[in-house]
Amino acid sequence: MGLQVLWSSGLACLDIYALRIKRDLQNPVLVSLFVVGDWVTATLSLAGACSSAGIAVLYSKDLNLCSTPPHLPCGRFELSVVLAFLTWFLIAISSHVMFWILATI
């Protein structure tokens, strides 16, 4: 998710710069770079969410670390997994939109 933060921050800075100089970013090479970057970060965030879900299931169901002392905050782990999948879903929508923007150029 750190890569996603860097990628999104870089794109936000590029958008702000383009707005300041009043320039259009509809270059096919540039948009294809954005599409590839979005798909890579979407795939990596899905992998992170799935691995986090696997660890949460391991802790709560297989090792029973949530019910025996020392108690782990498994509710927080499960909440973070849900938020990771929600983040992946939103990134996937953004990637899909970028793909259709590339198709219109």
PDB file of N, CA and C in Angstrom:
ATOM      1  N   MET A   1       0.824  -1.193   0.000  1.00  0.00           N
ATOM      2  CA  MET A   1       0.000   0.000   0.000  1.00  0.00           C
ATOM      3  C   MET A   1       0.868   1.256   0.000  1.00  0.00           C
ATOM      4  N   GLY A   2       2.116   1.117   0.435  1.00  0.00           N
ATOM      5  CA  GLY A   2       3.026   2.258   0.369  1.00  0.00           C
ATOM      6  C   GLY A   2       3.287   2.680  -1.069  1.00  0.00           C
ATOM      7  N   LEU A   3       3.398   1.689  -1.957  1.00  0.00           N
ATOM      8  CA  LEU A   3       3.574   1.996  -3.379  1.00  0.00           C
ATOM      9  C   LEU A   3       2.346   2.714  -3.932  1.00  0.00           C
ATOM     10  N   GLN A   4       1.164   2.316  -3.471  1.00  0.00           N
ATOM     11  CA  GLN A   4      -0.064   2.965  -3.926  1.00  0.00           C
ATOM     12  C   GLN A   4      -0.095   4.419  -3.474  1.00  0.00           C
ATOM     13  N   VAL A   5       0.344   4.693  -2.264  1.00  0.00           N
ATOM     14  CA  VAL A   5       0.374   6.071  -1.764  1.00  0.00           C
ATOM     15  C   VAL A   5       1.330   6.906  -2.607  1.00  0.00           C
ATOM     16  N   LEU A   6       2.513   6.355  -2.903  1.00  0.00           N
ATOM     17  CA  LEU A   6       3.479   7.085  -3.732  1.00  0.00           C
ATOM     18  C   LEU A   6       2.938   7.323  -5.138  1.00  0.00           C
ATOM     19  N   TRP A   7       2.327   6.307  -5.723  1.00  0.00           N
ATOM     20  CA  TRP A   7       1.786   6.421  -7.081  1.00  0.00           C
ATOM     21  C   TRP A   7       0.684   7.476  -7.132  1.00  0.00           C
ATOM     22  N   SER A   8      -0.246   7.405  -6.178  1.00  0.00           N
ATOM     23  CA  SER A   8      -1.359   8.359  -6.174  1.00  0.00           C
ATOM     24  C   SER A   8      -0.876   9.775  -5.888  1.00  0.00           C
ATOM     25  N   SER A   9       0.093   9.923  -5.009  1.00  0.00           N
ATOM     26  CA  SER A   9       0.633  11.256  -4.716  1.00  0.00           C
ATOM     27  C   SER A   9       1.339  11.835  -5.937  1.00  0.00           C
ATOM     28  N   GLY A  10       2.082  10.986  -6.628  1.00  0.00           N
ATOM     29  CA  GLY A  10       2.752  11.445  -7.852  1.00  0.00           C
ATOM     30  C   GLY A  10       1.758  11.883  -8.918  1.00  0.00           C
ATOM     31  N   LEU A  11       0.691  11.119  -9.083  1.00  0.00           N
ATOM     32  CA  LEU A  11      -0.331  11.500 -10.064  1.00  0.00           C
ATOM     33  C   LEU A  11      -1.059  12.774  -9.644  1.00  0.00           C
ATOM     34  N   ALA A  12      -1.289  12.942  -8.361  1.00  0.00           N
ATOM     35  CA  ALA A  12      -1.941  14.170  -7.890  1.00  0.00           C
ATOM     36  C   ALA A  12      -1.054  15.382  -8.156  1.00  0.00           C
ATOM     37  N   CYS A  13       0.246  15.245  -7.905  1.00  0.00           N
ATOM     38  CA  CYS A  13       1.173  16.354  -8.181  1.00  0.00           C
ATOM     39  C   CYS A  13       1.220  16.665  -9.674  1.00  0.00           C
ATOM     40  N   LEU A  14       1.203  15.617 -10.510  1.00  0.00           N
ATOM     41  CA  LEU A  14       1.202  15.823 -11.954  1.00  0.00           C
ATOM     42  C   LEU A  14      -0.083  16.514 -12.412  1.00  0.00           C
ATOM     43  N   ASP A  15      -1.216  16.133 -11.829  1.00  0.00           N
ATOM     44  CA  ASP A  15      -2.484  16.784 -12.169  1.00  0.00           C
ATOM     45  C   ASP A  15      -2.486  18.251 -11.756  1.00  0.00           C
ATOM     46  N   ILE A  16      -1.982  18.541 -10.580  1.00  0.00           N
ATOM     47  CA  ILE A  16      -1.915  19.932 -10.120  1.00  0.00           C
ATOM     48  C   ILE A  16      -1.004  20.752 -11.025  1.00  0.00           C
ATOM     49  N   TYR A  17       0.134  20.168 -11.412  1.00  0.00           N
ATOM     50  CA  TYR A  17       1.050  20.854 -12.322  1.00  0.00           C
ATOM     51  C   TYR A  17       0.390  21.117 -13.679  1.00  0.00           C
ATOM     52  N   ALA A  18      -0.338  20.122 -14.186  1.00  0.00           N
ATOM     53  CA  ALA A  18      -1.017  20.287 -15.477  1.00  0.00           C
ATOM     54  C   ALA A  18      -2.103  21.353 -15.399  1.00  0.00           C
ATOM     55  N   LEU A  19      -2.784  21.433 -14.266  1.00  0.00           N
ATOM     56  CA  LEU A  19      -3.794  22.471 -14.100  1.00  0.00           C
ATOM     57  C   LEU A  19      -3.162  23.857 -13.995  1.00  0.00           C
ATOM     58  N   ARG A  20      -2.001  23.949 -13.364  1.00  0.00           N
ATOM     59  CA  ARG A  20      -1.342  25.248 -13.215  1.00  0.00           C
ATOM     60  C   ARG A  20      -0.851  25.796 -14.546  1.00  0.00           C
ATOM     61  N   ILE A  21      -0.304  24.902 -15.383  1.00  0.00           N
ATOM     62  CA  ILE A  21       0.209  25.381 -16.668  1.00  0.00           C
ATOM     63  C   ILE A  21      -0.850  25.296 -17.771  1.00  0.00           C
ATOM     64  N   LYS A  22      -2.048  24.852 -17.397  1.00  0.00           N
ATOM     65  CA  LYS A  22      -3.178  24.748 -18.330  1.00  0.00           C
ATOM     66  C   LYS A  22      -2.827  23.901 -19.555  1.00  0.00           C
ATOM     67  N   ARG A  23      -2.339  22.678 -19.267  1.00  0.00           N
ATOM     68  CA  ARG A  23      -1.947  21.760 -20.331  1.00  0.00           C
ATOM     69  C   ARG A  23      -2.737  20.465 -20.203  1.00  0.00           C
ATOM     70  N   ASP A  24      -3.069  19.895 -21.340  1.00  0.00           N
ATOM     71  CA  ASP A  24      -3.836  18.663 -21.381  1.00  0.00           C
ATOM     72  C   ASP A  24      -2.881  17.469 -21.299  1.00  0.00           C
ATOM     73  N   LEU A  25      -3.246  16.448 -20.524  1.00  0.00           N
ATOM     74  CA  LEU A  25      -2.417  15.249 -20.380  1.00  0.00           C
ATOM     75  C   LEU A  25      -2.943  14.088 -21.230  1.00  0.00           C
ATOM     76  N   GLN A  26      -3.629  14.354 -22.299  1.00  0.00           N
ATOM     77  CA  GLN A  26      -4.239  13.313 -23.120  1.00  0.00           C
ATOM     78  C   GLN A  26      -3.276  12.766 -24.169  1.00  0.00           C
ATOM     79  N   ASN A  27      -2.030  12.631 -23.826  1.00  0.00           N
ATOM     80  CA  ASN A  27      -1.033  12.014 -24.694  1.00  0.00           C
ATOM     81  C   ASN A  27      -1.182  10.494 -24.579  1.00  0.00           C
ATOM     82  N   PRO A  28      -1.298   9.757 -25.705  1.00  0.00           N
ATOM     83  CA  PRO A  28      -1.511   8.302 -25.615  1.00  0.00           C
ATOM     84  C   PRO A  28      -0.403   7.552 -24.872  1.00  0.00           C
ATOM     85  N   VAL A  29       0.836   7.982 -25.033  1.00  0.00           N
ATOM     86  CA  VAL A  29       1.939   7.303 -24.341  1.00  0.00           C
ATOM     87  C   VAL A  29       1.842   7.546 -22.842  1.00  0.00           C
ATOM     88  N   LEU A  30       1.535   8.763 -22.456  1.00  0.00           N
ATOM     89  CA  LEU A  30       1.420   9.114 -21.043  1.00  0.00           C
ATOM     90  C   LEU A  30       0.229   8.410 -20.394  1.00  0.00           C
ATOM     91  N   VAL A  31      -0.894   8.368 -21.083  1.00  0.00           N
ATOM     92  CA  VAL A  31      -2.074   7.696 -20.539  1.00  0.00           C
ATOM     93  C   VAL A  31      -1.848   6.192 -20.446  1.00  0.00           C
ATOM     94  N   SER A  32      -1.141   5.606 -21.402  1.00  0.00           N
ATOM     95  CA  SER A  32      -0.844   4.173 -21.307  1.00  0.00           C
ATOM     96  C   SER A  32       0.076   3.878 -20.130  1.00  0.00           C
ATOM     97  N   LEU A  33       0.987   4.794 -19.818  1.00  0.00           N
ATOM     98  CA  LEU A  33       1.816   4.641 -18.621  1.00  0.00           C
ATOM     99  C   LEU A  33       0.952   4.685 -17.370  1.00  0.00           C
ATOM    100  N   PHE A  34      -0.027   5.588 -17.336  1.00  0.00           N
ATOM    101  CA  PHE A  34      -0.937   5.665 -16.192  1.00  0.00           C
ATOM    102  C   PHE A  34      -1.743   4.376 -16.040  1.00  0.00           C
ATOM    103  N   VAL A  35      -2.192   3.825 -17.166  1.00  0.00           N
ATOM    104  CA  VAL A  35      -2.985   2.596 -17.131  1.00  0.00           C
ATOM    105  C   VAL A  35      -2.153   1.446 -16.580  1.00  0.00           C
ATOM    106  N   VAL A  36      -0.933   1.301 -17.064  1.00  0.00           N
ATOM    107  CA  VAL A  36      -0.073   0.221 -16.586  1.00  0.00           C
ATOM    108  C   VAL A  36       0.231   0.396 -15.101  1.00  0.00           C
ATOM    109  N   GLY A  37       0.524   1.620 -14.685  1.00  0.00           N
ATOM    110  CA  GLY A  37       0.793   1.875 -13.273  1.00  0.00           C
ATOM    111  C   GLY A  37      -0.405   1.577 -12.393  1.00  0.00           C
ATOM    112  N   ASP A  38      -1.596   1.962 -12.848  1.00  0.00           N
ATOM    113  CA  ASP A  38      -2.805   1.675 -12.077  1.00  0.00           C
ATOM    114  C   ASP A  38      -3.071   0.180 -11.983  1.00  0.00           C
ATOM    115  N   TRP A  39      -2.870  -0.543 -13.084  1.00  0.00           N
ATOM    116  CA  TRP A  39      -3.105  -1.991 -13.045  1.00  0.00           C
ATOM    117  C   TRP A  39      -2.089  -2.683 -12.147  1.00  0.00           C
ATOM    118  N   VAL A  40      -0.844  -2.240 -12.154  1.00  0.00           N
ATOM    119  CA  VAL A  40       0.173  -2.841 -11.285  1.00  0.00           C
ATOM    120  C   VAL A  40      -0.168  -2.592  -9.824  1.00  0.00           C
ATOM    121  N   THR A  41      -0.515  -1.352  -9.484  1.00  0.00           N
ATOM    122  CA  THR A  41      -0.838  -1.067  -8.090  1.00  0.00           C
ATOM    123  C   THR A  41      -2.132  -1.758  -7.659  1.00  0.00           C
ATOM    124  N   ALA A  42      -3.093  -1.917  -8.570  1.00  0.00           N
ATOM    125  CA  ALA A  42      -4.321  -2.645  -8.230  1.00  0.00           C
ATOM    126  C   ALA A  42      -4.021  -4.117  -7.959  1.00  0.00           C
ATOM    127  N   THR A  43      -3.168  -4.714  -8.766  1.00  0.00           N
ATOM    128  CA  THR A  43      -2.805  -6.114  -8.566  1.00  0.00           C
ATOM    129  C   THR A  43      -2.045  -6.305  -7.258  1.00  0.00           C
ATOM    130  N   LEU A  44      -1.129  -5.398  -6.973  1.00  0.00           N
ATOM    131  CA  LEU A  44      -0.368  -5.507  -5.729  1.00  0.00           C
ATOM    132  C   LEU A  44      -1.247  -5.271  -4.504  1.00  0.00           C
ATOM    133  N   SER A  45      -2.207  -4.378  -4.587  1.00  0.00           N
ATOM    134  CA  SER A  45      -3.080  -4.166  -3.434  1.00  0.00           C
ATOM    135  C   SER A  45      -4.035  -5.344  -3.239  1.00  0.00           C
ATOM    136  N   LEU A  46      -4.448  -6.010  -4.317  1.00  0.00           N
ATOM    137  CA  LEU A  46      -5.248  -7.232  -4.174  1.00  0.00           C
ATOM    138  C   LEU A  46      -4.412  -8.327  -3.521  1.00  0.00           C
ATOM    139  N   ALA A  47      -3.160  -8.449  -3.917  1.00  0.00           N
ATOM    140  CA  ALA A  47      -2.291  -9.453  -3.299  1.00  0.00           C
ATOM    141  C   ALA A  47      -2.090  -9.167  -1.808  1.00  0.00           C
ATOM    142  N   GLY A  48      -1.924  -7.902  -1.465  1.00  0.00           N
ATOM    143  CA  GLY A  48      -1.778  -7.538  -0.056  1.00  0.00           C
ATOM    144  C   GLY A  48      -3.036  -7.816   0.750  1.00  0.00           C
ATOM    145  N   ALA A  49      -4.196  -7.524   0.180  1.00  0.00           N
ATOM    146  CA  ALA A  49      -5.453  -7.776   0.882  1.00  0.00           C
ATOM    147  C   ALA A  49      -5.677  -9.275   1.076  1.00  0.00           C
ATOM    148  N   CYS A  50      -5.357 -10.071   0.060  1.00  0.00           N
ATOM    149  CA  CYS A  50      -5.535 -11.523   0.177  1.00  0.00           C
ATOM    150  C   CYS A  50      -4.574 -12.126   1.196  1.00  0.00           C
ATOM    151  N   SER A  51      -3.342 -11.655   1.212  1.00  0.00           N
ATOM    152  CA  SER A  51      -2.399 -12.199   2.193  1.00  0.00           C
ATOM    153  C   SER A  51      -2.779 -11.771   3.607  1.00  0.00           C
ATOM    154  N   SER A  52      -3.286 -10.563   3.768  1.00  0.00           N
ATOM    155  CA  SER A  52      -3.754 -10.120   5.082  1.00  0.00           C
ATOM    156  C   SER A  52      -4.957 -10.954   5.541  1.00  0.00           C
ATOM    157  N   ALA A  53      -5.835 -11.278   4.621  1.00  0.00           N
ATOM    158  CA  ALA A  53      -6.971 -12.128   4.965  1.00  0.00           C
ATOM    159  C   ALA A  53      -6.509 -13.518   5.376  1.00  0.00           C
ATOM    160  N   GLY A  54      -5.504 -14.028   4.704  1.00  0.00           N
ATOM    161  CA  GLY A  54      -4.963 -15.339   5.067  1.00  0.00           C
ATOM    162  C   GLY A  54      -4.366 -15.349   6.463  1.00  0.00           C
ATOM    163  N   ILE A  55      -3.663 -14.302   6.825  1.00  0.00           N
ATOM    164  CA  ILE A  55      -3.082 -14.213   8.161  1.00  0.00           C
ATOM    165  C   ILE A  55      -4.172 -14.067   9.214  1.00  0.00           C
ATOM    166  N   ALA A  56      -5.207 -13.279   8.915  1.00  0.00           N
ATOM    167  CA  ALA A  56      -6.315 -13.117   9.867  1.00  0.00           C
ATOM    168  C   ALA A  56      -7.035 -14.442  10.100  1.00  0.00           C
ATOM    169  N   VAL A  57      -7.244 -15.216   9.047  1.00  0.00           N
ATOM    170  CA  VAL A  57      -7.877 -16.531   9.197  1.00  0.00           C
ATOM    171  C   VAL A  57      -6.958 -17.472   9.973  1.00  0.00           C
ATOM    172  N   LEU A  58      -5.657 -17.404   9.708  1.00  0.00           N
ATOM    173  CA  LEU A  58      -4.708 -18.240  10.437  1.00  0.00           C
ATOM    174  C   LEU A  58      -4.754 -17.949  11.926  1.00  0.00           C
ATOM    175  N   TYR A  59      -4.751 -16.679  12.287  1.00  0.00           N
ATOM    176  CA  TYR A  59      -4.770 -16.309  13.701  1.00  0.00           C
ATOM    177  C   TYR A  59      -6.087 -16.666  14.377  1.00  0.00           C
ATOM    178  N   SER A  60      -7.210 -16.378  13.713  1.00  0.00           N
ATOM    179  CA  SER A  60      -8.499 -16.544  14.385  1.00  0.00           C
ATOM    180  C   SER A  60      -9.029 -17.972  14.334  1.00  0.00           C
ATOM    181  N   LYS A  61      -8.872 -18.659  13.228  1.00  0.00           N
ATOM    182  CA  LYS A  61      -9.491 -19.986  13.079  1.00  0.00           C
ATOM    183  C   LYS A  61      -8.520 -21.137  13.323  1.00  0.00           C
ATOM    184  N   ASP A  62      -7.320 -21.042  12.753  1.00  0.00           N
ATOM    185  CA  ASP A  62      -6.403 -22.172  12.817  1.00  0.00           C
ATOM    186  C   ASP A  62      -5.619 -22.239  14.125  1.00  0.00           C
ATOM    187  N   LEU A  63      -5.108 -21.107  14.577  1.00  0.00           N
ATOM    188  CA  LEU A  63      -4.272 -21.098  15.778  1.00  0.00           C
ATOM    189  C   LEU A  63      -5.047 -20.725  17.038  1.00  0.00           C
ATOM    190  N   ASN A  64      -6.282 -20.281  16.900  1.00  0.00           N
ATOM    191  CA  ASN A  64      -7.127 -19.856  18.022  1.00  0.00           C
ATOM    192  C   ASN A  64      -6.434 -18.842  18.924  1.00  0.00           C
ATOM    193  N   LEU A  65      -5.719 -17.919  18.350  1.00  0.00           N
ATOM    194  CA  LEU A  65      -5.033 -16.905  19.139  1.00  0.00           C
ATOM    195  C   LEU A  65      -5.958 -15.791  19.589  1.00  0.00           C
ATOM    196  N   CYS A  66      -7.183 -15.778  19.083  1.00  0.00           N
ATOM    197  CA  CYS A  66      -8.125 -14.725  19.478  1.00  0.00           C
ATOM    198  C   CYS A  66      -8.881 -15.103  20.740  1.00  0.00           C
ATOM    199  N   SER A  67      -8.971 -16.396  21.038  1.00  0.00           N
ATOM    200  CA  SER A  67      -9.764 -16.833  22.184  1.00  0.00           C
ATOM    201  C   SER A  67      -8.927 -17.267  23.381  1.00  0.00           C
ATOM    202  N   THR A  68      -7.655 -17.569  23.166  1.00  0.00           N
ATOM    203  CA  THR A  68      -6.806 -18.010  24.270  1.00  0.00           C
ATOM    204  C   THR A  68      -5.821 -16.908  24.636  1.00  0.00           C
ATOM    205  N   PRO A  69      -5.424 -16.848  25.909  1.00  0.00           N
ATOM    206  CA  PRO A  69      -4.441 -15.823  26.302  1.00  0.00           C
ATOM    207  C   PRO A  69      -3.111 -16.063  25.616  1.00  0.00           C
ATOM    208  N   PRO A  70      -2.381 -15.102  25.225  1.00  0.00           N
ATOM    209  CA  PRO A  70      -2.676 -13.671  25.203  1.00  0.00           C
ATOM    210  C   PRO A  70      -3.594 -13.338  24.034  1.00  0.00           C
ATOM    211  N   HIS A  71      -4.603 -12.573  24.324  1.00  0.00           N
ATOM    212  CA  HIS A  71      -5.609 -12.229  23.314  1.00  0.00           C
ATOM    213  C   HIS A  71      -5.024 -11.239  22.300  1.00  0.00           C
ATOM    214  N   LEU A  72      -5.290 -11.513  21.061  1.00  0.00           N
ATOM    215  CA  LEU A  72      -4.919 -10.590  19.991  1.00  0.00           C
ATOM    216  C   LEU A  72      -6.157  -9.797  19.583  1.00  0.00           C
ATOM    217  N   PRO A  73      -5.983  -8.578  19.119  1.00  0.00           N
ATOM    218  CA  PRO A  73      -7.141  -7.787  18.668  1.00  0.00           C
ATOM    219  C   PRO A  73      -7.602  -8.242  17.281  1.00  0.00           C
ATOM    220  N   CYS A  74      -8.214  -9.415  17.212  1.00  0.00           N
ATOM    221  CA  CYS A  74      -8.596  -9.995  15.919  1.00  0.00           C
ATOM    222  C   CYS A  74      -9.675  -9.175  15.217  1.00  0.00           C
ATOM    223  N   GLY A  75     -10.510  -8.505  15.970  1.00  0.00           N
ATOM    224  CA  GLY A  75     -11.520  -7.640  15.351  1.00  0.00           C
ATOM    225  C   GLY A  75     -10.868  -6.535  14.541  1.00  0.00           C
ATOM    226  N   ARG A  76      -9.769  -5.994  15.058  1.00  0.00           N
ATOM    227  CA  ARG A  76      -9.048  -4.958  14.314  1.00  0.00           C
ATOM    228  C   ARG A  76      -8.387  -5.539  13.074  1.00  0.00           C
ATOM    229  N   PHE A  77      -7.855  -6.765  13.194  1.00  0.00           N
ATOM    230  CA  PHE A  77      -7.261  -7.413  12.024  1.00  0.00           C
ATOM    231  C   PHE A  77      -8.303  -7.605  10.930  1.00  0.00           C
ATOM    232  N   GLU A  78      -9.483  -8.079  11.317  1.00  0.00           N
ATOM    233  CA  GLU A  78     -10.544  -8.318  10.341  1.00  0.00           C
ATOM    234  C   GLU A  78     -11.040  -7.006   9.726  1.00  0.00           C
ATOM    235  N   LEU A  79     -11.117  -5.963  10.537  1.00  0.00           N
ATOM    236  CA  LEU A  79     -11.506  -4.653  10.010  1.00  0.00           C
ATOM    237  C   LEU A  79     -10.477  -4.138   9.005  1.00  0.00           C
ATOM    238  N   SER A  80      -9.204  -4.332   9.297  1.00  0.00           N
ATOM    239  CA  SER A  80      -8.174  -3.877   8.358  1.00  0.00           C
ATOM    240  C   SER A  80      -8.223  -4.670   7.057  1.00  0.00           C
ATOM    241  N   VAL A  81      -8.580  -5.953   7.128  1.00  0.00           N
ATOM    242  CA  VAL A  81      -8.720  -6.757   5.907  1.00  0.00           C
ATOM    243  C   VAL A  81      -9.903  -6.253   5.078  1.00  0.00           C
ATOM    244  N   VAL A  82     -11.006  -5.945   5.737  1.00  0.00           N
ATOM    245  CA  VAL A  82     -12.172  -5.413   5.025  1.00  0.00           C
ATOM    246  C   VAL A  82     -11.820  -4.089   4.357  1.00  0.00           C
ATOM    247  N   LEU A  83     -11.105  -3.222   5.063  1.00  0.00           N
ATOM    248  CA  LEU A  83     -10.710  -1.942   4.477  1.00  0.00           C
ATOM    249  C   LEU A  83      -9.708  -2.126   3.337  1.00  0.00           C
ATOM    250  N   ALA A  84      -8.840  -3.137   3.440  1.00  0.00           N
ATOM    251  CA  ALA A  84      -7.896  -3.413   2.348  1.00  0.00           C
ATOM    252  C   ALA A  84      -8.641  -3.854   1.092  1.00  0.00           C
ATOM    253  N   PHE A  85      -9.669  -4.703   1.242  1.00  0.00           N
ATOM    254  CA  PHE A  85     -10.447  -5.111   0.077  1.00  0.00           C
ATOM    255  C   PHE A  85     -11.275  -3.954  -0.479  1.00  0.00           C
ATOM    256  N   LEU A  86     -11.776  -3.084   0.387  1.00  0.00           N
ATOM    257  CA  LEU A  86     -12.494  -1.904  -0.077  1.00  0.00           C
ATOM    258  C   LEU A  86     -11.571  -0.985  -0.866  1.00  0.00           C
ATOM    259  N   THR A  87     -10.358  -0.811  -0.374  1.00  0.00           N
ATOM    260  CA  THR A  87      -9.370  -0.012  -1.090  1.00  0.00           C
ATOM    261  C   THR A  87      -9.047  -0.624  -2.435  1.00  0.00           C
ATOM    262  N   TRP A  88      -8.864  -1.941  -2.470  1.00  0.00           N
ATOM    263  CA  TRP A  88      -8.583  -2.601  -3.744  1.00  0.00           C
ATOM    264  C   TRP A  88      -9.740  -2.396  -4.717  1.00  0.00           C
ATOM    265  N   PHE A  89     -10.966  -2.487  -4.243  1.00  0.00           N
ATOM    266  CA  PHE A  89     -12.127  -2.309  -5.113  1.00  0.00           C
ATOM    267  C   PHE A  89     -12.132  -0.914  -5.733  1.00  0.00           C
ATOM    268  N   LEU A  90     -11.853   0.101  -4.937  1.00  0.00           N
ATOM    269  CA  LEU A  90     -11.822   1.465  -5.454  1.00  0.00           C
ATOM    270  C   LEU A  90     -10.663   1.662  -6.431  1.00  0.00           C
ATOM    271  N   ILE A  91      -9.516   1.054  -6.156  1.00  0.00           N
ATOM    272  CA  ILE A  91      -8.380   1.143  -7.080  1.00  0.00           C
ATOM    273  C   ILE A  91      -8.711   0.426  -8.384  1.00  0.00           C
ATOM    274  N   ALA A  92      -9.414  -0.697  -8.288  1.00  0.00           N
ATOM    275  CA  ALA A  92      -9.796  -1.431  -9.501  1.00  0.00           C
ATOM    276  C   ALA A  92     -10.758  -0.610 -10.361  1.00  0.00           C
ATOM    277  N   ILE A  93     -11.675   0.111  -9.737  1.00  0.00           N
ATOM    278  CA  ILE A  93     -12.578   0.985 -10.496  1.00  0.00           C
ATOM    279  C   ILE A  93     -11.777   2.078 -11.191  1.00  0.00           C
ATOM    280  N   SER A  94     -10.824   2.662 -10.477  1.00  0.00           N
ATOM    281  CA  SER A  94      -9.983   3.698 -11.075  1.00  0.00           C
ATOM    282  C   SER A  94      -9.182   3.144 -12.253  1.00  0.00           C
ATOM    283  N   SER A  95      -8.667   1.946 -12.116  1.00  0.00           N
ATOM    284  CA  SER A  95      -7.916   1.320 -13.207  1.00  0.00           C
ATOM    285  C   SER A  95      -8.799   1.066 -14.416  1.00  0.00           C
ATOM    286  N   HIS A  96     -10.015   0.641 -14.159  1.00  0.00           N
ATOM    287  CA  HIS A  96     -10.949   0.387 -15.246  1.00  0.00           C
ATOM    288  C   HIS A  96     -11.293   1.683 -15.988  1.00  0.00           C
ATOM    289  N   VAL A  97     -11.505   2.751 -15.251  1.00  0.00           N
ATOM    290  CA  VAL A  97     -11.805   4.045 -15.864  1.00  0.00           C
ATOM    291  C   VAL A  97     -10.615   4.527 -16.694  1.00  0.00           C
ATOM    292  N   MET A  98      -9.400   4.361 -16.165  1.00  0.00           N
ATOM    293  CA  MET A  98      -8.211   4.762 -16.921  1.00  0.00           C
ATOM    294  C   MET A  98      -8.070   3.948 -18.206  1.00  0.00           C
ATOM    295  N   PHE A  99      -8.443   2.680 -18.163  1.00  0.00           N
ATOM    296  CA  PHE A  99      -8.401   1.849 -19.362  1.00  0.00           C
ATOM    297  C   PHE A  99      -9.358   2.391 -20.424  1.00  0.00           C
ATOM    298  N   TRP A 100     -10.562   2.809 -20.012  1.00  0.00           N
ATOM    299  CA  TRP A 100     -11.525   3.332 -20.972  1.00  0.00           C
ATOM    300  C   TRP A 100     -11.123   4.710 -21.475  1.00  0.00           C
ATOM    301  N   ILE A 101     -10.427   5.488 -20.653  1.00  0.00           N
ATOM    302  CA  ILE A 101      -9.898   6.765 -21.125  1.00  0.00           C
ATOM    303  C   ILE A 101      -8.843   6.515 -22.194  1.00  0.00           C
ATOM    304  N   LEU A 102      -8.015   5.497 -21.990  1.00  0.00           N
ATOM    305  CA  LEU A 102      -7.008   5.151 -23.002  1.00  0.00           C
ATOM    306  C   LEU A 102      -7.686   4.704 -24.293  1.00  0.00           C
ATOM    307  N   ALA A 103      -8.797   3.983 -24.165  1.00  0.00           N
ATOM    308  CA  ALA A 103      -9.491   3.500 -25.374  1.00  0.00           C
ATOM    309  C   ALA A 103     -10.112   4.638 -26.172  1.00  0.00           C
ATOM    310  N   THR A 104     -10.423   5.755 -25.525  1.00  0.00           N
ATOM    311  CA  THR A 104     -11.032   6.868 -26.240  1.00  0.00           C
ATOM    312  C   THR A 104     -10.017   7.770 -26.926  1.00  0.00           C
ATOM    313  N   ILE A 105      -8.763   7.632 -26.584  1.00  0.00           N
ATOM    314  CA  ILE A 105      -7.734   8.497 -27.197  1.00  0.00           C
ATOM    315  C   ILE A 105      -7.348   7.966 -28.546  1.00  0.00           C
TER     316      ILE A 105
END
